[in-house]
Amino acid sequence: MLELGPDSERSAYVDLYWLPLGAGKVAVRWSGRVYEAVVARREHRVVGDLYHSALQVGLGDERYVIEMTPVWGNAQRQRGVVSEGPVGSRRLGRWRWFRYEVRRWRDGVIPDIAYAVGSPRRMSTNSGRARELLDLVPRVPSVTWGRDELATGAMWNSNSLIAWLLARSGHPAELVTPPGGGRAPGWSAGLVLATRDAGCDLSRAGVRPAALVG
Protein backbone atom coordinates (compact mmCIF):
# COMPACT_ATOMS: atom_id res chain seq x y z
CA MET A 1 0.00 0.00 0.00
CA LEU A 2 1.20 3.50 -0.84
CA GLU A 3 2.42 5.38 2.24
CA LEU A 4 0.83 8.84 2.38
CA GLY A 5 1.49 11.80 4.64
CA PRO A 6 -0.60 12.69 7.73
CA ASP A 7 -2.43 15.49 5.90
CA SER A 8 -3.59 13.29 3.00
CA GLU A 9 -7.23 13.15 4.19
CA ARG A 10 -7.58 16.93 4.30
CA SER A 11 -8.49 17.31 0.65
CA ALA A 12 -8.65 15.00 -2.32
CA TYR A 13 -9.41 14.93 -6.02
CA VAL A 14 -9.20 12.64 -9.03
CA ASP A 15 -8.91 14.55 -12.32
CA LEU A 16 -9.15 13.00 -15.79
CA TYR A 17 -7.28 14.59 -18.71
CA TRP A 18 -8.07 14.01 -22.39
CA LEU A 19 -5.05 14.49 -24.66
CA PRO A 20 -5.32 14.39 -28.49
CA LEU A 21 -3.46 11.31 -29.68
CA GLY A 22 0.00 12.32 -30.85
CA ALA A 23 -0.19 15.87 -29.53
CA GLY A 24 3.21 17.41 -30.25
CA LYS A 25 4.39 14.21 -31.99
CA VAL A 26 3.87 14.28 -35.76
CA ALA A 27 4.58 10.58 -36.39
CA VAL A 28 2.19 9.38 -33.70
CA ARG A 29 -0.54 11.77 -34.82
CA TRP A 30 -0.17 10.66 -38.45
CA SER A 31 -0.26 6.94 -37.63
CA GLY A 32 -3.29 7.52 -35.39
CA ARG A 33 -5.16 9.22 -38.20
CA VAL A 34 -4.38 6.36 -40.58
CA TYR A 35 -5.58 3.83 -38.00
CA GLU A 36 -8.82 5.73 -37.38
CA ALA A 37 -9.50 6.16 -41.10
CA VAL A 38 -9.15 2.40 -41.67
CA VAL A 39 -11.34 1.49 -38.67
CA ALA A 40 -13.99 4.10 -39.54
CA ARG A 41 -14.24 2.77 -43.07
CA ARG A 42 -14.57 -0.80 -41.83
CA GLU A 43 -17.29 0.22 -39.36
CA HIS A 44 -19.07 2.49 -41.89
CA ARG A 45 -18.92 5.60 -39.74
CA VAL A 46 -17.45 9.10 -39.73
CA VAL A 47 -13.78 9.49 -38.78
CA GLY A 48 -13.39 10.85 -35.25
CA ASP A 49 -10.64 12.50 -33.21
CA LEU A 50 -8.64 10.04 -31.08
CA TYR A 51 -7.74 10.70 -27.45
CA HIS A 52 -5.28 9.39 -24.90
CA SER A 53 -6.13 9.73 -21.20
CA ALA A 54 -4.18 10.40 -18.01
CA LEU A 55 -5.02 11.05 -14.37
CA GLN A 56 -3.89 13.49 -11.75
CA VAL A 57 -4.68 12.51 -8.17
CA GLY A 58 -4.35 14.73 -5.12
CA LEU A 59 -4.44 13.78 -1.45
CA GLY A 60 -3.76 16.68 0.88
CA ASP A 61 -0.43 18.20 -0.11
CA GLU A 62 0.53 15.21 -2.23
CA ARG A 63 -0.10 15.02 -5.98
CA TYR A 64 0.41 12.11 -8.39
CA VAL A 65 0.30 11.73 -12.16
CA ILE A 66 -0.85 8.36 -13.53
CA GLU A 67 -0.16 7.55 -17.15
CA MET A 68 1.01 4.82 -19.54
CA THR A 69 3.88 5.85 -21.83
CA PRO A 70 6.79 4.30 -23.78
CA VAL A 71 9.74 3.42 -21.50
CA TRP A 72 12.04 5.50 -23.69
CA GLY A 73 9.95 8.68 -23.65
CA ASN A 74 11.37 10.37 -20.55
CA ALA A 75 14.97 10.72 -19.37
CA GLN A 76 14.13 11.46 -15.72
CA ARG A 77 15.25 8.59 -13.51
CA GLN A 78 12.66 9.17 -10.77
CA ARG A 79 9.28 9.15 -12.52
CA GLY A 80 7.24 6.75 -10.42
CA VAL A 81 7.39 3.66 -12.64
CA VAL A 82 5.47 0.81 -10.98
CA SER A 83 5.26 -1.70 -13.85
CA GLU A 84 6.12 -2.37 -17.49
CA GLY A 85 4.57 -4.33 -20.33
CA PRO A 86 5.21 -5.30 -23.97
CA VAL A 87 4.09 -3.37 -27.05
CA GLY A 88 2.77 -5.30 -30.04
CA SER A 89 3.80 -8.77 -28.88
CA ARG A 90 5.43 -10.53 -25.95
CA ARG A 91 8.40 -11.39 -28.13
CA LEU A 92 8.99 -7.79 -29.19
CA GLY A 93 8.70 -6.73 -25.57
CA ARG A 94 12.15 -8.13 -24.87
CA TRP A 95 13.52 -4.94 -26.43
CA ARG A 96 13.26 -1.55 -24.76
CA TRP A 97 11.80 0.10 -27.87
CA PHE A 98 8.79 -2.19 -27.60
CA ARG A 99 7.88 -1.70 -23.96
CA TYR A 100 5.57 0.65 -22.09
CA GLU A 101 5.66 1.75 -18.48
CA VAL A 102 2.92 2.62 -16.00
CA ARG A 103 3.70 5.60 -13.80
CA ARG A 104 2.42 6.68 -10.40
CA TRP A 105 4.62 9.74 -10.34
CA ARG A 106 4.59 11.95 -7.26
CA ASP A 107 4.77 15.63 -8.26
CA GLY A 108 5.01 14.40 -11.84
CA VAL A 109 4.02 16.06 -15.09
CA ILE A 110 1.79 15.13 -18.01
CA PRO A 111 4.05 16.04 -20.96
CA ASP A 112 1.27 17.04 -23.36
CA ILE A 113 -1.01 18.72 -20.82
CA ALA A 114 -0.93 21.99 -22.78
CA TYR A 115 -2.87 20.19 -25.54
CA ALA A 116 -5.57 18.78 -23.22
CA VAL A 117 -9.16 19.19 -24.41
CA GLY A 118 -12.12 19.64 -22.07
CA SER A 119 -9.86 18.95 -19.11
CA PRO A 120 -9.53 18.39 -16.30
CA ARG A 121 -12.72 16.48 -15.65
CA ARG A 122 -13.08 16.02 -11.91
CA MET A 123 -14.16 12.46 -11.21
CA SER A 124 -14.40 12.76 -7.43
CA THR A 125 -13.22 14.53 -4.29
CA ASN A 126 -13.53 11.42 -2.14
CA SER A 127 -10.30 10.68 -0.28
CA GLY A 128 -11.09 6.98 0.11
CA ARG A 129 -11.58 6.50 -3.62
CA ALA A 130 -8.48 8.53 -4.43
CA ARG A 131 -6.38 6.44 -2.05
CA GLU A 132 -7.79 3.19 -3.42
CA LEU A 133 -7.04 4.29 -6.98
CA LEU A 134 -3.42 5.04 -6.08
CA ASP A 135 -3.06 1.66 -4.39
CA LEU A 136 -4.45 -0.10 -7.48
CA VAL A 137 -1.90 1.29 -9.95
CA PRO A 138 0.81 -1.38 -9.38
CA ARG A 139 -1.86 -4.10 -9.68
CA VAL A 140 -2.90 -3.29 -13.25
CA PRO A 141 -2.14 -6.39 -15.37
CA SER A 142 0.80 -6.02 -17.77
CA VAL A 143 -1.23 -6.80 -20.88
CA THR A 144 0.35 -6.41 -24.33
CA TRP A 145 -0.33 -2.94 -25.71
CA GLY A 146 -2.31 -2.97 -28.96
CA ARG A 147 -3.57 -6.54 -28.52
CA ASP A 148 -6.69 -8.15 -27.06
CA GLU A 149 -5.01 -10.88 -25.02
CA LEU A 150 -7.81 -11.05 -22.44
CA ALA A 151 -10.70 -11.30 -24.93
CA THR A 152 -12.31 -8.03 -23.86
CA GLY A 153 -13.39 -7.11 -27.39
CA ALA A 154 -10.92 -4.21 -27.68
CA MET A 155 -7.19 -3.67 -27.69
CA TRP A 156 -5.33 -2.83 -24.47
CA ASN A 157 -3.68 0.59 -24.22
CA SER A 158 -3.36 3.69 -22.02
CA ASN A 159 -7.12 4.29 -22.07
CA SER A 160 -7.68 0.75 -20.82
CA LEU A 161 -5.40 1.46 -17.86
CA ILE A 162 -7.27 4.63 -16.89
CA ALA A 163 -10.73 3.08 -17.34
CA TRP A 164 -9.71 0.05 -15.23
CA LEU A 165 -8.38 2.22 -12.41
CA LEU A 166 -11.43 4.47 -12.33
CA ALA A 167 -13.91 1.60 -12.43
CA ARG A 168 -12.12 -0.51 -9.81
CA SER A 169 -11.89 2.45 -7.41
CA GLY A 170 -15.60 3.20 -7.61
CA HIS A 171 -15.60 6.09 -10.08
CA PRO A 172 -18.27 6.26 -12.83
CA ALA A 173 -15.92 5.27 -15.67
CA GLU A 174 -18.81 3.73 -17.59
CA LEU A 175 -20.34 7.19 -18.06
CA VAL A 176 -17.18 8.87 -19.33
CA THR A 177 -16.98 10.01 -22.96
CA PRO A 178 -14.16 11.77 -24.85
CA PRO A 179 -14.55 15.45 -25.84
CA GLY A 180 -16.66 16.47 -28.81
CA GLY A 181 -17.77 13.01 -29.85
CA GLY A 182 -14.18 11.83 -30.21
CA ARG A 183 -13.02 8.27 -29.55
CA ALA A 184 -10.86 6.70 -26.88
CA PRO A 185 -9.85 3.28 -28.26
CA GLY A 186 -9.23 0.75 -25.52
CA TRP A 187 -11.50 2.34 -22.91
CA SER A 188 -14.04 -0.48 -23.08
CA ALA A 189 -11.27 -3.05 -22.55
CA GLY A 190 -10.55 -1.50 -19.16
CA LEU A 191 -14.22 -1.53 -18.24
CA VAL A 192 -14.68 -5.17 -19.23
CA LEU A 193 -11.64 -6.27 -17.25
CA ALA A 194 -12.73 -4.21 -14.23
CA THR A 195 -16.13 -5.90 -14.40
CA ARG A 196 -14.50 -9.31 -14.30
CA ASP A 197 -12.08 -8.37 -11.53
CA ALA A 198 -14.69 -6.73 -9.33
CA GLY A 199 -17.35 -9.36 -9.99
CA CYS A 200 -19.90 -6.71 -10.87
CA ASP A 201 -21.94 -5.89 -13.98
CA LEU A 202 -21.12 -2.44 -15.34
CA SER A 203 -23.41 -3.03 -18.32
CA ARG A 204 -26.43 -2.46 -16.08
CA ALA A 205 -25.00 0.96 -15.18
CA GLY A 206 -25.07 2.09 -18.81
CA VAL A 207 -21.69 1.29 -20.34
CA ARG A 208 -21.12 3.32 -23.50
CA PRO A 209 -20.94 1.36 -26.76
CA ALA A 210 -17.54 0.38 -28.12
CA ALA A 211 -18.10 2.58 -31.20
CA LEU A 212 -17.78 5.62 -28.96
CA VAL A 213 -15.11 4.75 -26.45
CA GLY A 214 -13.42 1.91 -28.29
C-alpha atoms as a PDB file:
ATOM      1  CA  MET A   1       0.000   0.000   0.000  1.00  0.00           C
ATOM      2  CA  LEU A   2       1.205   3.498  -0.839  1.00  0.00           C
ATOM      3  CA  GLU A   3       2.416   5.385   2.239  1.00  0.00           C
ATOM      4  CA  LEU A   4       0.835   8.839   2.376  1.00  0.00           C
ATOM      5  CA  GLY A   5       1.489  11.796   4.644  1.00  0.00           C
ATOM      6  CA  PRO A   6      -0.596  12.690   7.726  1.00  0.00           C
ATOM      7  CA  ASP A   7      -2.434  15.488   5.896  1.00  0.00           C
ATOM      8  CA  SER A   8      -3.595  13.295   3.002  1.00  0.00           C
ATOM      9  CA  GLU A   9      -7.229  13.149   4.190  1.00  0.00           C
ATOM     10  CA  ARG A  10      -7.579  16.926   4.304  1.00  0.00           C
ATOM     11  CA  SER A  11      -8.494  17.306   0.655  1.00  0.00           C
ATOM     12  CA  ALA A  12      -8.652  14.996  -2.317  1.00  0.00           C
ATOM     13  CA  TYR A  13      -9.407  14.932  -6.020  1.00  0.00           C
ATOM     14  CA  VAL A  14      -9.198  12.643  -9.027  1.00  0.00           C
ATOM     15  CA  ASP A  15      -8.911  14.549 -12.321  1.00  0.00           C
ATOM     16  CA  LEU A  16      -9.152  13.001 -15.788  1.00  0.00           C
ATOM     17  CA  TYR A  17      -7.284  14.588 -18.709  1.00  0.00           C
ATOM     18  CA  TRP A  18      -8.066  14.007 -22.390  1.00  0.00           C
ATOM     19  CA  LEU A  19      -5.053  14.487 -24.661  1.00  0.00           C
ATOM     20  CA  PRO A  20      -5.324  14.389 -28.486  1.00  0.00           C
ATOM     21  CA  LEU A  21      -3.460  11.309 -29.682  1.00  0.00           C
ATOM     22  CA  GLY A  22       0.003  12.317 -30.851  1.00  0.00           C
ATOM     23  CA  ALA A  23      -0.192  15.875 -29.527  1.00  0.00           C
ATOM     24  CA  GLY A  24       3.212  17.407 -30.254  1.00  0.00           C
ATOM     25  CA  LYS A  25       4.391  14.208 -31.985  1.00  0.00           C
ATOM     26  CA  VAL A  26       3.869  14.275 -35.756  1.00  0.00           C
ATOM     27  CA  ALA A  27       4.581  10.578 -36.390  1.00  0.00           C
ATOM     28  CA  VAL A  28       2.187   9.376 -33.697  1.00  0.00           C
ATOM     29  CA  ARG A  29      -0.538  11.773 -34.822  1.00  0.00           C
ATOM     30  CA  TRP A  30      -0.173  10.662 -38.445  1.00  0.00           C
ATOM     31  CA  SER A  31      -0.262   6.943 -37.625  1.00  0.00           C
ATOM     32  CA  GLY A  32      -3.290   7.523 -35.395  1.00  0.00           C
ATOM     33  CA  ARG A  33      -5.161   9.218 -38.205  1.00  0.00           C
ATOM     34  CA  VAL A  34      -4.376   6.363 -40.579  1.00  0.00           C
ATOM     35  CA  TYR A  35      -5.582   3.828 -38.005  1.00  0.00           C
ATOM     36  CA  GLU A  36      -8.819   5.735 -37.380  1.00  0.00           C
ATOM     37  CA  ALA A  37      -9.497   6.165 -41.099  1.00  0.00           C
ATOM     38  CA  VAL A  38      -9.150   2.400 -41.666  1.00  0.00           C
ATOM     39  CA  VAL A  39     -11.339   1.490 -38.669  1.00  0.00           C
ATOM     40  CA  ALA A  40     -13.988   4.102 -39.543  1.00  0.00           C
ATOM     41  CA  ARG A  41     -14.245   2.771 -43.067  1.00  0.00           C
ATOM     42  CA  ARG A  42     -14.570  -0.796 -41.832  1.00  0.00           C
ATOM     43  CA  GLU A  43     -17.291   0.225 -39.359  1.00  0.00           C
ATOM     44  CA  HIS A  44     -19.071   2.486 -41.888  1.00  0.00           C
ATOM     45  CA  ARG A  45     -18.925   5.602 -39.736  1.00  0.00           C
ATOM     46  CA  VAL A  46     -17.454   9.095 -39.726  1.00  0.00           C
ATOM     47  CA  VAL A  47     -13.782   9.492 -38.782  1.00  0.00           C
ATOM     48  CA  GLY A  48     -13.388  10.853 -35.255  1.00  0.00           C
ATOM     49  CA  ASP A  49     -10.643  12.496 -33.209  1.00  0.00           C
ATOM     50  CA  LEU A  50      -8.641  10.042 -31.084  1.00  0.00           C
ATOM     51  CA  TYR A  51      -7.743  10.697 -27.453  1.00  0.00           C
ATOM     52  CA  HIS A  52      -5.283   9.389 -24.897  1.00  0.00           C
ATOM     53  CA  SER A  53      -6.133   9.729 -21.198  1.00  0.00           C
ATOM     54  CA  ALA A  54      -4.180  10.396 -18.010  1.00  0.00           C
ATOM     55  CA  LEU A  55      -5.019  11.048 -14.374  1.00  0.00           C
ATOM     56  CA  GLN A  56      -3.888  13.493 -11.753  1.00  0.00           C
ATOM     57  CA  VAL A  57      -4.683  12.515  -8.167  1.00  0.00           C
ATOM     58  CA  GLY A  58      -4.347  14.727  -5.117  1.00  0.00           C
ATOM     59  CA  LEU A  59      -4.437  13.778  -1.446  1.00  0.00           C
ATOM     60  CA  GLY A  60      -3.764  16.683   0.878  1.00  0.00           C
ATOM     61  CA  ASP A  61      -0.427  18.201  -0.109  1.00  0.00           C
ATOM     62  CA  GLU A  62       0.528  15.206  -2.234  1.00  0.00           C
ATOM     63  CA  ARG A  63      -0.103  15.017  -5.981  1.00  0.00           C
ATOM     64  CA  TYR A  64       0.411  12.112  -8.392  1.00  0.00           C
ATOM     65  CA  VAL A  65       0.299  11.726 -12.161  1.00  0.00           C
ATOM     66  CA  ILE A  66      -0.848   8.357 -13.526  1.00  0.00           C
ATOM     67  CA  GLU A  67      -0.157   7.550 -17.154  1.00  0.00           C
ATOM     68  CA  MET A  68       1.007   4.818 -19.541  1.00  0.00           C
ATOM     69  CA  THR A  69       3.875   5.850 -21.830  1.00  0.00           C
ATOM     70  CA  PRO A  70       6.795   4.303 -23.778  1.00  0.00           C
ATOM     71  CA  VAL A  71       9.739   3.415 -21.504  1.00  0.00           C
ATOM     72  CA  TRP A  72      12.041   5.497 -23.693  1.00  0.00           C
ATOM     73  CA  GLY A  73       9.951   8.678 -23.654  1.00  0.00           C
ATOM     74  CA  ASN A  74      11.368  10.373 -20.549  1.00  0.00           C
ATOM     75  CA  ALA A  75      14.971  10.719 -19.366  1.00  0.00           C
ATOM     76  CA  GLN A  76      14.130  11.463 -15.722  1.00  0.00           C
ATOM     77  CA  ARG A  77      15.250   8.589 -13.509  1.00  0.00           C
ATOM     78  CA  GLN A  78      12.658   9.166 -10.774  1.00  0.00           C
ATOM     79  CA  ARG A  79       9.278   9.146 -12.517  1.00  0.00           C
ATOM     80  CA  GLY A  80       7.243   6.747 -10.424  1.00  0.00           C
ATOM     81  CA  VAL A  81       7.386   3.664 -12.640  1.00  0.00           C
ATOM     82  CA  VAL A  82       5.470   0.809 -10.979  1.00  0.00           C
ATOM     83  CA  SER A  83       5.261  -1.702 -13.850  1.00  0.00           C
ATOM     84  CA  GLU A  84       6.120  -2.366 -17.490  1.00  0.00           C
ATOM     85  CA  GLY A  85       4.573  -4.326 -20.333  1.00  0.00           C
ATOM     86  CA  PRO A  86       5.205  -5.304 -23.972  1.00  0.00           C
ATOM     87  CA  VAL A  87       4.088  -3.370 -27.047  1.00  0.00           C
ATOM     88  CA  GLY A  88       2.773  -5.297 -30.044  1.00  0.00           C
ATOM     89  CA  SER A  89       3.797  -8.766 -28.876  1.00  0.00           C
ATOM     90  CA  ARG A  90       5.430 -10.535 -25.949  1.00  0.00           C
ATOM     91  CA  ARG A  91       8.403 -11.395 -28.127  1.00  0.00           C
ATOM     92  CA  LEU A  92       8.988  -7.787 -29.187  1.00  0.00           C
ATOM     93  CA  GLY A  93       8.700  -6.732 -25.565  1.00  0.00           C
ATOM     94  CA  ARG A  94      12.151  -8.131 -24.872  1.00  0.00           C
ATOM     95  CA  TRP A  95      13.518  -4.940 -26.428  1.00  0.00           C
ATOM     96  CA  ARG A  96      13.260  -1.548 -24.765  1.00  0.00           C
ATOM     97  CA  TRP A  97      11.799   0.103 -27.874  1.00  0.00           C
ATOM     98  CA  PHE A  98       8.788  -2.185 -27.605  1.00  0.00           C
ATOM     99  CA  ARG A  99       7.876  -1.700 -23.957  1.00  0.00           C
ATOM    100  CA  TYR A 100       5.566   0.651 -22.093  1.00  0.00           C
ATOM    101  CA  GLU A 101       5.659   1.745 -18.476  1.00  0.00           C
ATOM    102  CA  VAL A 102       2.918   2.616 -15.996  1.00  0.00           C
ATOM    103  CA  ARG A 103       3.697   5.600 -13.804  1.00  0.00           C
ATOM    104  CA  ARG A 104       2.416   6.676 -10.405  1.00  0.00           C
ATOM    105  CA  TRP A 105       4.616   9.736 -10.341  1.00  0.00           C
ATOM    106  CA  ARG A 106       4.588  11.946  -7.262  1.00  0.00           C
ATOM    107  CA  ASP A 107       4.771  15.634  -8.261  1.00  0.00           C
ATOM    108  CA  GLY A 108       5.010  14.395 -11.839  1.00  0.00           C
ATOM    109  CA  VAL A 109       4.020  16.056 -15.087  1.00  0.00           C
ATOM    110  CA  ILE A 110       1.795  15.127 -18.009  1.00  0.00           C
ATOM    111  CA  PRO A 111       4.053  16.042 -20.957  1.00  0.00           C
ATOM    112  CA  ASP A 112       1.266  17.037 -23.361  1.00  0.00           C
ATOM    113  CA  ILE A 113      -1.012  18.717 -20.821  1.00  0.00           C
ATOM    114  CA  ALA A 114      -0.932  21.991 -22.781  1.00  0.00           C
ATOM    115  CA  TYR A 115      -2.874  20.191 -25.535  1.00  0.00           C
ATOM    116  CA  ALA A 116      -5.566  18.784 -23.218  1.00  0.00           C
ATOM    117  CA  VAL A 117      -9.159  19.191 -24.412  1.00  0.00           C
ATOM    118  CA  GLY A 118     -12.123  19.643 -22.070  1.00  0.00           C
ATOM    119  CA  SER A 119      -9.864  18.950 -19.113  1.00  0.00           C
ATOM    120  CA  PRO A 120      -9.525  18.387 -16.300  1.00  0.00           C
ATOM    121  CA  ARG A 121     -12.718  16.478 -15.652  1.00  0.00           C
ATOM    122  CA  ARG A 122     -13.078  16.025 -11.907  1.00  0.00           C
ATOM    123  CA  MET A 123     -14.157  12.458 -11.212  1.00  0.00           C
ATOM    124  CA  SER A 124     -14.403  12.761  -7.428  1.00  0.00           C
ATOM    125  CA  THR A 125     -13.220  14.528  -4.287  1.00  0.00           C
ATOM    126  CA  ASN A 126     -13.525  11.418  -2.136  1.00  0.00           C
ATOM    127  CA  SER A 127     -10.300  10.679  -0.279  1.00  0.00           C
ATOM    128  CA  GLY A 128     -11.088   6.979   0.108  1.00  0.00           C
ATOM    129  CA  ARG A 129     -11.582   6.502  -3.620  1.00  0.00           C
ATOM    130  CA  ALA A 130      -8.477   8.530  -4.426  1.00  0.00           C
ATOM    131  CA  ARG A 131      -6.384   6.443  -2.046  1.00  0.00           C
ATOM    132  CA  GLU A 132      -7.793   3.186  -3.425  1.00  0.00           C
ATOM    133  CA  LEU A 133      -7.038   4.286  -6.982  1.00  0.00           C
ATOM    134  CA  LEU A 134      -3.423   5.038  -6.078  1.00  0.00           C
ATOM    135  CA  ASP A 135      -3.057   1.659  -4.387  1.00  0.00           C
ATOM    136  CA  LEU A 136      -4.453  -0.101  -7.478  1.00  0.00           C
ATOM    137  CA  VAL A 137      -1.898   1.290  -9.946  1.00  0.00           C
ATOM    138  CA  PRO A 138       0.809  -1.383  -9.385  1.00  0.00           C
ATOM    139  CA  ARG A 139      -1.864  -4.096  -9.684  1.00  0.00           C
ATOM    140  CA  VAL A 140      -2.905  -3.293 -13.247  1.00  0.00           C
ATOM    141  CA  PRO A 141      -2.141  -6.389 -15.374  1.00  0.00           C
ATOM    142  CA  SER A 142       0.797  -6.023 -17.771  1.00  0.00           C
ATOM    143  CA  VAL A 143      -1.227  -6.801 -20.877  1.00  0.00           C
ATOM    144  CA  THR A 144       0.347  -6.413 -24.325  1.00  0.00           C
ATOM    145  CA  TRP A 145      -0.329  -2.939 -25.714  1.00  0.00           C
ATOM    146  CA  GLY A 146      -2.308  -2.973 -28.965  1.00  0.00           C
ATOM    147  CA  ARG A 147      -3.572  -6.538 -28.520  1.00  0.00           C
ATOM    148  CA  ASP A 148      -6.688  -8.145 -27.058  1.00  0.00           C
ATOM    149  CA  GLU A 149      -5.010 -10.884 -25.019  1.00  0.00           C
ATOM    150  CA  LEU A 150      -7.811 -11.055 -22.440  1.00  0.00           C
ATOM    151  CA  ALA A 151     -10.701 -11.301 -24.934  1.00  0.00           C
ATOM    152  CA  THR A 152     -12.312  -8.026 -23.863  1.00  0.00           C
ATOM    153  CA  GLY A 153     -13.388  -7.107 -27.394  1.00  0.00           C
ATOM    154  CA  ALA A 154     -10.924  -4.206 -27.681  1.00  0.00           C
ATOM    155  CA  MET A 155      -7.185  -3.674 -27.692  1.00  0.00           C
ATOM    156  CA  TRP A 156      -5.325  -2.831 -24.471  1.00  0.00           C
ATOM    157  CA  ASN A 157      -3.676   0.592 -24.218  1.00  0.00           C
ATOM    158  CA  SER A 158      -3.360   3.691 -22.024  1.00  0.00           C
ATOM    159  CA  ASN A 159      -7.115   4.286 -22.072  1.00  0.00           C
ATOM    160  CA  SER A 160      -7.676   0.748 -20.819  1.00  0.00           C
ATOM    161  CA  LEU A 161      -5.400   1.463 -17.857  1.00  0.00           C
ATOM    162  CA  ILE A 162      -7.273   4.629 -16.888  1.00  0.00           C
ATOM    163  CA  ALA A 163     -10.734   3.077 -17.336  1.00  0.00           C
ATOM    164  CA  TRP A 164      -9.711   0.048 -15.232  1.00  0.00           C
ATOM    165  CA  LEU A 165      -8.380   2.217 -12.412  1.00  0.00           C
ATOM    166  CA  LEU A 166     -11.435   4.474 -12.329  1.00  0.00           C
ATOM    167  CA  ALA A 167     -13.908   1.600 -12.429  1.00  0.00           C
ATOM    168  CA  ARG A 168     -12.119  -0.510  -9.813  1.00  0.00           C
ATOM    169  CA  SER A 169     -11.886   2.446  -7.408  1.00  0.00           C
ATOM    170  CA  GLY A 170     -15.598   3.205  -7.607  1.00  0.00           C
ATOM    171  CA  HIS A 171     -15.598   6.094 -10.080  1.00  0.00           C
ATOM    172  CA  PRO A 172     -18.275   6.256 -12.832  1.00  0.00           C
ATOM    173  CA  ALA A 173     -15.918   5.266 -15.665  1.00  0.00           C
ATOM    174  CA  GLU A 174     -18.814   3.726 -17.587  1.00  0.00           C
ATOM    175  CA  LEU A 175     -20.344   7.192 -18.057  1.00  0.00           C
ATOM    176  CA  VAL A 176     -17.182   8.873 -19.331  1.00  0.00           C
ATOM    177  CA  THR A 177     -16.976  10.014 -22.961  1.00  0.00           C
ATOM    178  CA  PRO A 178     -14.161  11.775 -24.852  1.00  0.00           C
ATOM    179  CA  PRO A 179     -14.554  15.452 -25.837  1.00  0.00           C
ATOM    180  CA  GLY A 180     -16.657  16.471 -28.807  1.00  0.00           C
ATOM    181  CA  GLY A 181     -17.774  13.014 -29.852  1.00  0.00           C
ATOM    182  CA  GLY A 182     -14.182  11.830 -30.207  1.00  0.00           C
ATOM    183  CA  ARG A 183     -13.016   8.269 -29.549  1.00  0.00           C
ATOM    184  CA  ALA A 184     -10.855   6.696 -26.883  1.00  0.00           C
ATOM    185  CA  PRO A 185      -9.850   3.276 -28.264  1.00  0.00           C
ATOM    186  CA  GLY A 186      -9.234   0.749 -25.523  1.00  0.00           C
ATOM    187  CA  TRP A 187     -11.502   2.341 -22.909  1.00  0.00           C
ATOM    188  CA  SER A 188     -14.043  -0.479 -23.077  1.00  0.00           C
ATOM    189  CA  ALA A 189     -11.269  -3.049 -22.546  1.00  0.00           C
ATOM    190  CA  GLY A 190     -10.546  -1.500 -19.163  1.00  0.00           C
ATOM    191  CA  LEU A 191     -14.223  -1.534 -18.243  1.00  0.00           C
ATOM    192  CA  VAL A 192     -14.679  -5.167 -19.231  1.00  0.00           C
ATOM    193  CA  LEU A 193     -11.642  -6.269 -17.249  1.00  0.00           C
ATOM    194  CA  ALA A 194     -12.732  -4.210 -14.227  1.00  0.00           C
ATOM    195  CA  THR A 195     -16.126  -5.903 -14.402  1.00  0.00           C
ATOM    196  CA  ARG A 196     -14.500  -9.313 -14.295  1.00  0.00           C
ATOM    197  CA  ASP A 197     -12.078  -8.370 -11.525  1.00  0.00           C
ATOM    198  CA  ALA A 198     -14.695  -6.731  -9.329  1.00  0.00           C
ATOM    199  CA  GLY A 199     -17.349  -9.356  -9.987  1.00  0.00           C
ATOM    200  CA  CYS A 200     -19.902  -6.705 -10.874  1.00  0.00           C
ATOM    201  CA  ASP A 201     -21.935  -5.894 -13.982  1.00  0.00           C
ATOM    202  CA  LEU A 202     -21.125  -2.439 -15.344  1.00  0.00           C
ATOM    203  CA  SER A 203     -23.405  -3.030 -18.319  1.00  0.00           C
ATOM    204  CA  ARG A 204     -26.426  -2.462 -16.076  1.00  0.00           C
ATOM    205  CA  ALA A 205     -24.995   0.959 -15.183  1.00  0.00           C
ATOM    206  CA  GLY A 206     -25.070   2.093 -18.806  1.00  0.00           C
ATOM    207  CA  VAL A 207     -21.687   1.295 -20.342  1.00  0.00           C
ATOM    208  CA  ARG A 208     -21.119   3.324 -23.496  1.00  0.00           C
ATOM    209  CA  PRO A 209     -20.943   1.358 -26.757  1.00  0.00           C
ATOM    210  CA  ALA A 210     -17.540   0.377 -28.115  1.00  0.00           C
ATOM    211  CA  ALA A 211     -18.099   2.577 -31.198  1.00  0.00           C
ATOM    212  CA  LEU A 212     -17.781   5.617 -28.964  1.00  0.00           C
ATOM    213  CA  VAL A 213     -15.106   4.751 -26.449  1.00  0.00           C
ATOM    214  CA  GLY A 214     -13.419   1.910 -28.293  1.00  0.00           C
END
